[in-house]
Amino acid sequence: MSGEEQRKPTLREILPRIKLLFFMVMSFPVIGMVAVLVILAMKPPQNFEIIAGLIVFLILFYTASNFYIMRKIDEVSVKRD
């Protein structure tokens, strides 16, 4: 062991590295919602329009939330002390 301690990376250094992985993991529910829409379209229930509308709304809301979080990650990783 040398007398020097290894410096631990800060959150600002880690966030840009994991941004793509984070976005991919957060996108899994959207893929599931699209799959549900496809399955429901094969044999639509009586209230398909309501269900499809809600799922599309959730997809849009979830995607917008993900992009908002990604922007915040960029802001935090770029800010200077």
PDB file of N, CA and C in Angstrom:
ATOM      1  N   MET A   1       0.829  -1.187   0.000  1.00  0.00           N
ATOM      2  CA  MET A   1       0.000   0.000   0.000  1.00  0.00           C
ATOM      3  C   MET A   1       0.866   1.240   0.000  1.00  0.00           C
ATOM      4  N   SER A   2       0.532   2.160  -0.817  1.00  0.00           N
ATOM      5  CA  SER A   2       1.249   3.422  -0.814  1.00  0.00           C
ATOM      6  C   SER A   2       0.610   4.349   0.207  1.00  0.00           C
ATOM      7  N   GLY A   3       1.305   5.385   0.551  1.00  0.00           N
ATOM      8  CA  GLY A   3       0.809   6.327   1.545  1.00  0.00           C
ATOM      9  C   GLY A   3      -0.338   7.179   1.024  1.00  0.00           C
ATOM     10  N   GLU A   4      -0.585   7.130  -0.281  1.00  0.00           N
ATOM     11  CA  GLU A   4      -1.648   7.952  -0.858  1.00  0.00           C
ATOM     12  C   GLU A   4      -2.970   7.199  -0.811  1.00  0.00           C
ATOM     13  N   GLU A   5      -3.989   7.914  -0.431  1.00  0.00           N
ATOM     14  CA  GLU A   5      -5.335   7.317  -0.461  1.00  0.00           C
ATOM     15  C   GLU A   5      -5.945   7.556  -1.824  1.00  0.00           C
ATOM     16  N   GLN A   6      -6.690   6.579  -2.292  1.00  0.00           N
ATOM     17  CA  GLN A   6      -7.397   6.773  -3.550  1.00  0.00           C
ATOM     18  C   GLN A   6      -8.607   7.643  -3.295  1.00  0.00           C
ATOM     19  N   ARG A   7      -8.784   8.597  -4.183  1.00  0.00           N
ATOM     20  CA  ARG A   7      -9.903   9.522  -4.057  1.00  0.00           C
ATOM     21  C   ARG A   7     -11.164   8.856  -4.583  1.00  0.00           C
ATOM     22  N   LYS A   8     -12.251   8.951  -3.806  1.00  0.00           N
ATOM     23  CA  LYS A   8     -13.527   8.402  -4.263  1.00  0.00           C
ATOM     24  C   LYS A   8     -14.166   9.386  -5.231  1.00  0.00           C
ATOM     25  N   PRO A   9     -14.752   8.879  -6.307  1.00  0.00           N
ATOM     26  CA  PRO A   9     -15.403   9.790  -7.258  1.00  0.00           C
ATOM     27  C   PRO A   9     -16.635  10.440  -6.626  1.00  0.00           C
ATOM     28  N   THR A  10     -16.872  11.668  -7.005  1.00  0.00           N
ATOM     29  CA  THR A  10     -18.039  12.393  -6.495  1.00  0.00           C
ATOM     30  C   THR A  10     -19.260  12.052  -7.335  1.00  0.00           C
ATOM     31  N   LEU A  11     -20.407  12.442  -6.849  1.00  0.00           N
ATOM     32  CA  LEU A  11     -21.657  12.200  -7.567  1.00  0.00           C
ATOM     33  C   LEU A  11     -21.645  12.892  -8.922  1.00  0.00           C
ATOM     34  N   ARG A  12     -21.047  14.077  -8.973  1.00  0.00           N
ATOM     35  CA  ARG A  12     -20.973  14.804 -10.247  1.00  0.00           C
ATOM     36  C   ARG A  12     -20.127  14.076 -11.276  1.00  0.00           C
ATOM     37  N   GLU A  13     -19.168  13.311 -10.838  1.00  0.00           N
ATOM     38  CA  GLU A  13     -18.344  12.547 -11.766  1.00  0.00           C
ATOM     39  C   GLU A  13     -19.022  11.240 -12.175  1.00  0.00           C
ATOM     40  N   ILE A  14     -19.826  10.680 -11.298  1.00  0.00           N
ATOM     41  CA  ILE A  14     -20.473   9.400 -11.577  1.00  0.00           C
ATOM     42  C   ILE A  14     -21.709   9.556 -12.463  1.00  0.00           C
ATOM     43  N   LEU A  15     -22.497  10.604 -12.241  1.00  0.00           N
ATOM     44  CA  LEU A  15     -23.767  10.762 -12.955  1.00  0.00           C
ATOM     45  C   LEU A  15     -23.637  10.722 -14.479  1.00  0.00           C
ATOM     46  N   PRO A  16     -22.690  11.433 -15.090  1.00  0.00           N
ATOM     47  CA  PRO A  16     -22.613  11.348 -16.563  1.00  0.00           C
ATOM     48  C   PRO A  16     -22.288   9.941 -17.056  1.00  0.00           C
ATOM     49  N   ARG A  17     -21.576   9.173 -16.263  1.00  0.00           N
ATOM     50  CA  ARG A  17     -21.205   7.815 -16.680  1.00  0.00           C
ATOM     51  C   ARG A  17     -22.396   6.866 -16.675  1.00  0.00           C
ATOM     52  N   ILE A  18     -23.302   7.048 -15.728  1.00  0.00           N
ATOM     53  CA  ILE A  18     -24.425   6.113 -15.604  1.00  0.00           C
ATOM     54  C   ILE A  18     -25.712   6.632 -16.227  1.00  0.00           C
ATOM     55  N   LYS A  19     -25.649   7.796 -16.865  1.00  0.00           N
ATOM     56  CA  LYS A  19     -26.861   8.420 -17.397  1.00  0.00           C
ATOM     57  C   LYS A  19     -27.571   7.523 -18.404  1.00  0.00           C
ATOM     58  N   LEU A  20     -26.849   6.958 -19.342  1.00  0.00           N
ATOM     59  CA  LEU A  20     -27.474   6.112 -20.360  1.00  0.00           C
ATOM     60  C   LEU A  20     -28.062   4.851 -19.738  1.00  0.00           C
ATOM     61  N   LEU A  21     -27.322   4.221 -18.841  1.00  0.00           N
ATOM     62  CA  LEU A  21     -27.825   3.027 -18.156  1.00  0.00           C
ATOM     63  C   LEU A  21     -29.086   3.351 -17.358  1.00  0.00           C
ATOM     64  N   PHE A  22     -29.074   4.471 -16.659  1.00  0.00           N
ATOM     65  CA  PHE A  22     -30.236   4.904 -15.884  1.00  0.00           C
ATOM     66  C   PHE A  22     -31.442   5.102 -16.790  1.00  0.00           C
ATOM     67  N   PHE A  23     -31.243   5.755 -17.929  1.00  0.00           N
ATOM     68  CA  PHE A  23     -32.341   5.997 -18.856  1.00  0.00           C
ATOM     69  C   PHE A  23     -32.889   4.694 -19.419  1.00  0.00           C
ATOM     70  N   MET A  24     -31.998   3.752 -19.728  1.00  0.00           N
ATOM     71  CA  MET A  24     -32.446   2.466 -20.263  1.00  0.00           C
ATOM     72  C   MET A  24     -33.272   1.701 -19.234  1.00  0.00           C
ATOM     73  N   VAL A  25     -32.834   1.689 -17.996  1.00  0.00           N
ATOM     74  CA  VAL A  25     -33.570   0.983 -16.944  1.00  0.00           C
ATOM     75  C   VAL A  25     -34.915   1.658 -16.697  1.00  0.00           C
ATOM     76  N   MET A  26     -34.926   2.977 -16.717  1.00  0.00           N
ATOM     77  CA  MET A  26     -36.174   3.700 -16.484  1.00  0.00           C
ATOM     78  C   MET A  26     -37.139   3.572 -17.667  1.00  0.00           C
ATOM     79  N   SER A  27     -36.660   3.124 -18.819  1.00  0.00           N
ATOM     80  CA  SER A  27     -37.517   2.966 -19.994  1.00  0.00           C
ATOM     81  C   SER A  27     -38.213   1.604 -20.057  1.00  0.00           C
ATOM     82  N   PHE A  28     -37.822   0.665 -19.221  1.00  0.00           N
ATOM     83  CA  PHE A  28     -38.452  -0.660 -19.241  1.00  0.00           C
ATOM     84  C   PHE A  28     -39.971  -0.596 -19.042  1.00  0.00           C
ATOM     85  N   PRO A  29     -40.510   0.204 -18.116  1.00  0.00           N
ATOM     86  CA  PRO A  29     -41.970   0.260 -17.987  1.00  0.00           C
ATOM     87  C   PRO A  29     -42.672   0.753 -19.245  1.00  0.00           C
ATOM     88  N   VAL A  30     -42.037   1.651 -19.989  1.00  0.00           N
ATOM     89  CA  VAL A  30     -42.647   2.134 -21.240  1.00  0.00           C
ATOM     90  C   VAL A  30     -42.752   0.987 -22.236  1.00  0.00           C
ATOM     91  N   ILE A  31     -41.729   0.161 -22.304  1.00  0.00           N
ATOM     92  CA  ILE A  31     -41.764  -1.009 -23.193  1.00  0.00           C
ATOM     93  C   ILE A  31     -42.899  -1.937 -22.774  1.00  0.00           C
ATOM     94  N   GLY A  32     -43.073  -2.121 -21.488  1.00  0.00           N
ATOM     95  CA  GLY A  32     -44.163  -2.949 -20.984  1.00  0.00           C
ATOM     96  C   GLY A  32     -45.531  -2.374 -21.322  1.00  0.00           C
ATOM     97  N   MET A  33     -45.662  -1.052 -21.217  1.00  0.00           N
ATOM     98  CA  MET A  33     -46.942  -0.408 -21.536  1.00  0.00           C
ATOM     99  C   MET A  33     -47.272  -0.561 -23.016  1.00  0.00           C
ATOM    100  N   VAL A  34     -46.282  -0.450 -23.874  1.00  0.00           N
ATOM    101  CA  VAL A  34     -46.511  -0.639 -25.312  1.00  0.00           C
ATOM    102  C   VAL A  34     -46.912  -2.090 -25.585  1.00  0.00           C
ATOM    103  N   ALA A  35     -46.277  -3.031 -24.885  1.00  0.00           N
ATOM    104  CA  ALA A  35     -46.633  -4.440 -25.054  1.00  0.00           C
ATOM    105  C   ALA A  35     -48.076  -4.686 -24.623  1.00  0.00           C
ATOM    106  N   VAL A  36     -48.499  -4.048 -23.537  1.00  0.00           N
ATOM    107  CA  VAL A  36     -49.890  -4.195 -23.082  1.00  0.00           C
ATOM    108  C   VAL A  36     -50.847  -3.647 -24.131  1.00  0.00           C
ATOM    109  N   LEU A  37     -50.508  -2.520 -24.738  1.00  0.00           N
ATOM    110  CA  LEU A  37     -51.367  -1.969 -25.792  1.00  0.00           C
ATOM    111  C   LEU A  37     -51.492  -2.940 -26.962  1.00  0.00           C
ATOM    112  N   VAL A  38     -50.399  -3.564 -27.347  1.00  0.00           N
ATOM    113  CA  VAL A  38     -50.432  -4.516 -28.460  1.00  0.00           C
ATOM    114  C   VAL A  38     -51.291  -5.724 -28.098  1.00  0.00           C
ATOM    115  N   ILE A  39     -51.105  -6.237 -26.884  1.00  0.00           N
ATOM    116  CA  ILE A  39     -51.898  -7.398 -26.450  1.00  0.00           C
ATOM    117  C   ILE A  39     -53.383  -7.053 -26.378  1.00  0.00           C
ATOM    118  N   LEU A  40     -53.695  -5.875 -25.846  1.00  0.00           N
ATOM    119  CA  LEU A  40     -55.101  -5.466 -25.773  1.00  0.00           C
ATOM    120  C   LEU A  40     -55.698  -5.231 -27.157  1.00  0.00           C
ATOM    121  N   ALA A  41     -54.891  -4.777 -28.103  1.00  0.00           N
ATOM    122  CA  ALA A  41     -55.397  -4.536 -29.456  1.00  0.00           C
ATOM    123  C   ALA A  41     -55.749  -5.843 -30.157  1.00  0.00           C
ATOM    124  N   MET A  42     -55.116  -6.938 -29.755  1.00  0.00           N
ATOM    125  CA  MET A  42     -55.424  -8.232 -30.374  1.00  0.00           C
ATOM    126  C   MET A  42     -56.830  -8.703 -30.022  1.00  0.00           C
ATOM    127  N   LYS A  43     -57.223  -8.479 -28.793  1.00  0.00           N
ATOM    128  CA  LYS A  43     -58.575  -8.844 -28.355  1.00  0.00           C
ATOM    129  C   LYS A  43     -59.103  -7.714 -27.476  1.00  0.00           C
ATOM    130  N   PRO A  44     -59.607  -6.668 -28.100  1.00  0.00           N
ATOM    131  CA  PRO A  44     -59.987  -5.478 -27.341  1.00  0.00           C
ATOM    132  C   PRO A  44     -61.212  -5.707 -26.440  1.00  0.00           C
ATOM    133  N   PRO A  45     -61.137  -5.224 -25.191  1.00  0.00           N
ATOM    134  CA  PRO A  45     -62.311  -5.277 -24.315  1.00  0.00           C
ATOM    135  C   PRO A  45     -63.304  -4.184 -24.713  1.00  0.00           C
ATOM    136  N   GLN A  46     -64.447  -4.152 -24.023  1.00  0.00           N
ATOM    137  CA  GLN A  46     -65.483  -3.170 -24.350  1.00  0.00           C
ATOM    138  C   GLN A  46     -64.995  -1.741 -24.153  1.00  0.00           C
ATOM    139  N   ASN A  47     -64.214  -1.513 -23.120  1.00  0.00           N
ATOM    140  CA  ASN A  47     -63.756  -0.163 -22.819  1.00  0.00           C
ATOM    141  C   ASN A  47     -62.303   0.056 -23.268  1.00  0.00           C
ATOM    142  N   PHE A  48     -61.966  -0.441 -24.441  1.00  0.00           N
ATOM    143  CA  PHE A  48     -60.599  -0.362 -24.957  1.00  0.00           C
ATOM    144  C   PHE A  48     -60.131   1.079 -25.122  1.00  0.00           C
ATOM    145  N   GLU A  49     -61.005   1.967 -25.566  1.00  0.00           N
ATOM    146  CA  GLU A  49     -60.617   3.359 -25.795  1.00  0.00           C
ATOM    147  C   GLU A  49     -60.155   4.022 -24.504  1.00  0.00           C
ATOM    148  N   ILE A  50     -60.855   3.749 -23.420  1.00  0.00           N
ATOM    149  CA  ILE A  50     -60.486   4.332 -22.128  1.00  0.00           C
ATOM    150  C   ILE A  50     -59.155   3.764 -21.644  1.00  0.00           C
ATOM    151  N   ILE A  51     -59.023   2.460 -21.739  1.00  0.00           N
ATOM    152  CA  ILE A  51     -57.780   1.809 -21.297  1.00  0.00           C
ATOM    153  C   ILE A  51     -56.608   2.280 -22.150  1.00  0.00           C
ATOM    154  N   ALA A  52     -56.772   2.307 -23.458  1.00  0.00           N
ATOM    155  CA  ALA A  52     -55.691   2.740 -24.348  1.00  0.00           C
ATOM    156  C   ALA A  52     -55.338   4.203 -24.095  1.00  0.00           C
ATOM    157  N   GLY A  53     -56.334   5.030 -23.878  1.00  0.00           N
ATOM    158  CA  GLY A  53     -56.080   6.444 -23.581  1.00  0.00           C
ATOM    159  C   GLY A  53     -55.282   6.625 -22.302  1.00  0.00           C
ATOM    160  N   LEU A  54     -55.646   5.875 -21.272  1.00  0.00           N
ATOM    161  CA  LEU A  54     -54.899   5.960 -20.009  1.00  0.00           C
ATOM    162  C   LEU A  54     -53.465   5.471 -20.164  1.00  0.00           C
ATOM    163  N   ILE A  55     -53.289   4.394 -20.897  1.00  0.00           N
ATOM    164  CA  ILE A  55     -51.938   3.864 -21.077  1.00  0.00           C
ATOM    165  C   ILE A  55     -51.084   4.839 -21.898  1.00  0.00           C
ATOM    166  N   VAL A  56     -51.655   5.419 -22.935  1.00  0.00           N
ATOM    167  CA  VAL A  56     -50.914   6.407 -23.728  1.00  0.00           C
ATOM    168  C   VAL A  56     -50.559   7.619 -22.864  1.00  0.00           C
ATOM    169  N   PHE A  57     -51.496   8.068 -22.039  1.00  0.00           N
ATOM    170  CA  PHE A  57     -51.216   9.181 -21.126  1.00  0.00           C
ATOM    171  C   PHE A  57     -50.069   8.825 -20.187  1.00  0.00           C
ATOM    172  N   LEU A  58     -50.092   7.611 -19.638  1.00  0.00           N
ATOM    173  CA  LEU A  58     -49.020   7.180 -18.741  1.00  0.00           C
ATOM    174  C   LEU A  58     -47.680   7.107 -19.466  1.00  0.00           C
ATOM    175  N   ILE A  59     -47.688   6.631 -20.701  1.00  0.00           N
ATOM    176  CA  ILE A  59     -46.445   6.576 -21.483  1.00  0.00           C
ATOM    177  C   ILE A  59     -45.878   7.980 -21.676  1.00  0.00           C
ATOM    178  N   LEU A  60     -46.739   8.911 -22.070  1.00  0.00           N
ATOM    179  CA  LEU A  60     -46.282  10.291 -22.282  1.00  0.00           C
ATOM    180  C   LEU A  60     -45.781  10.923 -20.990  1.00  0.00           C
ATOM    181  N   PHE A  61     -46.522  10.745 -19.903  1.00  0.00           N
ATOM    182  CA  PHE A  61     -46.135  11.321 -18.616  1.00  0.00           C
ATOM    183  C   PHE A  61     -44.831  10.713 -18.125  1.00  0.00           C
ATOM    184  N   TYR A  62     -44.698   9.410 -18.231  1.00  0.00           N
ATOM    185  CA  TYR A  62     -43.499   8.724 -17.754  1.00  0.00           C
ATOM    186  C   TYR A  62     -42.283   9.119 -18.586  1.00  0.00           C
ATOM    187  N   THR A  63     -42.459   9.218 -19.905  1.00  0.00           N
ATOM    188  CA  THR A  63     -41.359   9.626 -20.776  1.00  0.00           C
ATOM    189  C   THR A  63     -40.939  11.064 -20.496  1.00  0.00           C
ATOM    190  N   ALA A  64     -41.913  11.957 -20.314  1.00  0.00           N
ATOM    191  CA  ALA A  64     -41.585  13.345 -19.980  1.00  0.00           C
ATOM    192  C   ALA A  64     -40.857  13.426 -18.642  1.00  0.00           C
ATOM    193  N   SER A  65     -41.287  12.641 -17.681  1.00  0.00           N
ATOM    194  CA  SER A  65     -40.613  12.619 -16.373  1.00  0.00           C
ATOM    195  C   SER A  65     -39.174  12.122 -16.513  1.00  0.00           C
ATOM    196  N   ASN A  66     -38.965  11.105 -17.333  1.00  0.00           N
ATOM    197  CA  ASN A  66     -37.610  10.594 -17.554  1.00  0.00           C
ATOM    198  C   ASN A  66     -36.710  11.659 -18.170  1.00  0.00           C
ATOM    199  N   PHE A  67     -37.216  12.373 -19.167  1.00  0.00           N
ATOM    200  CA  PHE A  67     -36.395  13.407 -19.791  1.00  0.00           C
ATOM    201  C   PHE A  67     -36.124  14.558 -18.816  1.00  0.00           C
ATOM    202  N   TYR A  68     -37.081  14.876 -17.961  1.00  0.00           N
ATOM    203  CA  TYR A  68     -36.866  15.907 -16.941  1.00  0.00           C
ATOM    204  C   TYR A  68     -35.761  15.468 -15.979  1.00  0.00           C
ATOM    205  N   ILE A  69     -35.808  14.209 -15.552  1.00  0.00           N
ATOM    206  CA  ILE A  69     -34.772  13.686 -14.653  1.00  0.00           C
ATOM    207  C   ILE A  69     -33.418  13.701 -15.355  1.00  0.00           C
ATOM    208  N   MET A  70     -33.381  13.344 -16.639  1.00  0.00           N
ATOM    209  CA  MET A  70     -32.111  13.354 -17.368  1.00  0.00           C
ATOM    210  C   MET A  70     -31.547  14.765 -17.468  1.00  0.00           C
ATOM    211  N   ARG A  71     -32.401  15.753 -17.679  1.00  0.00           N
ATOM    212  CA  ARG A  71     -31.938  17.142 -17.710  1.00  0.00           C
ATOM    213  C   ARG A  71     -31.369  17.553 -16.367  1.00  0.00           C
ATOM    214  N   LYS A  72     -32.016  17.148 -15.292  1.00  0.00           N
ATOM    215  CA  LYS A  72     -31.514  17.472 -13.957  1.00  0.00           C
ATOM    216  C   LYS A  72     -30.171  16.799 -13.703  1.00  0.00           C
ATOM    217  N   ILE A  73     -30.018  15.573 -14.176  1.00  0.00           N
ATOM    218  CA  ILE A  73     -28.729  14.888 -14.032  1.00  0.00           C
ATOM    219  C   ILE A  73     -27.651  15.679 -14.775  1.00  0.00           C
ATOM    220  N   ASP A  74     -27.968  16.157 -15.976  1.00  0.00           N
ATOM    221  CA  ASP A  74     -27.002  16.967 -16.724  1.00  0.00           C
ATOM    222  C   ASP A  74     -26.656  18.250 -15.977  1.00  0.00           C
ATOM    223  N   GLU A  75     -27.664  18.908 -15.410  1.00  0.00           N
ATOM    224  CA  GLU A  75     -27.421  20.146 -14.675  1.00  0.00           C
ATOM    225  C   GLU A  75     -26.541  19.906 -13.452  1.00  0.00           C
ATOM    226  N   VAL A  76     -26.816  18.843 -12.718  1.00  0.00           N
ATOM    227  CA  VAL A  76     -26.041  18.555 -11.519  1.00  0.00           C
ATOM    228  C   VAL A  76     -24.611  18.187 -11.881  1.00  0.00           C
ATOM    229  N   SER A  77     -24.430  17.442 -12.971  1.00  0.00           N
ATOM    230  CA  SER A  77     -23.086  16.996 -13.327  1.00  0.00           C
ATOM    231  C   SER A  77     -22.249  18.127 -13.925  1.00  0.00           C
ATOM    232  N   VAL A  78     -22.880  19.191 -14.425  1.00  0.00           N
ATOM    233  CA  VAL A  78     -22.154  20.285 -15.045  1.00  0.00           C
ATOM    234  C   VAL A  78     -21.891  21.426 -14.070  1.00  0.00           C
ATOM    235  N   LYS A  79     -22.738  21.596 -13.070  1.00  0.00           N
ATOM    236  CA  LYS A  79     -22.599  22.715 -12.137  1.00  0.00           C
ATOM    237  C   LYS A  79     -21.236  22.726 -11.477  1.00  0.00           C
ATOM    238  N   ARG A  80     -20.764  23.909 -11.256  1.00  0.00           N
ATOM    239  CA  ARG A  80     -19.502  24.105 -10.548  1.00  0.00           C
ATOM    240  C   ARG A  80     -19.797  24.602  -9.143  1.00  0.00           C
ATOM    241  N   ASP A  81     -18.920  24.287  -8.224  1.00  0.00           N
ATOM    242  CA  ASP A  81     -19.099  24.762  -6.843  1.00  0.00           C
ATOM    243  C   ASP A  81     -18.871  26.244  -6.732  1.00  0.00           C
TER     244      ASP A  81
END
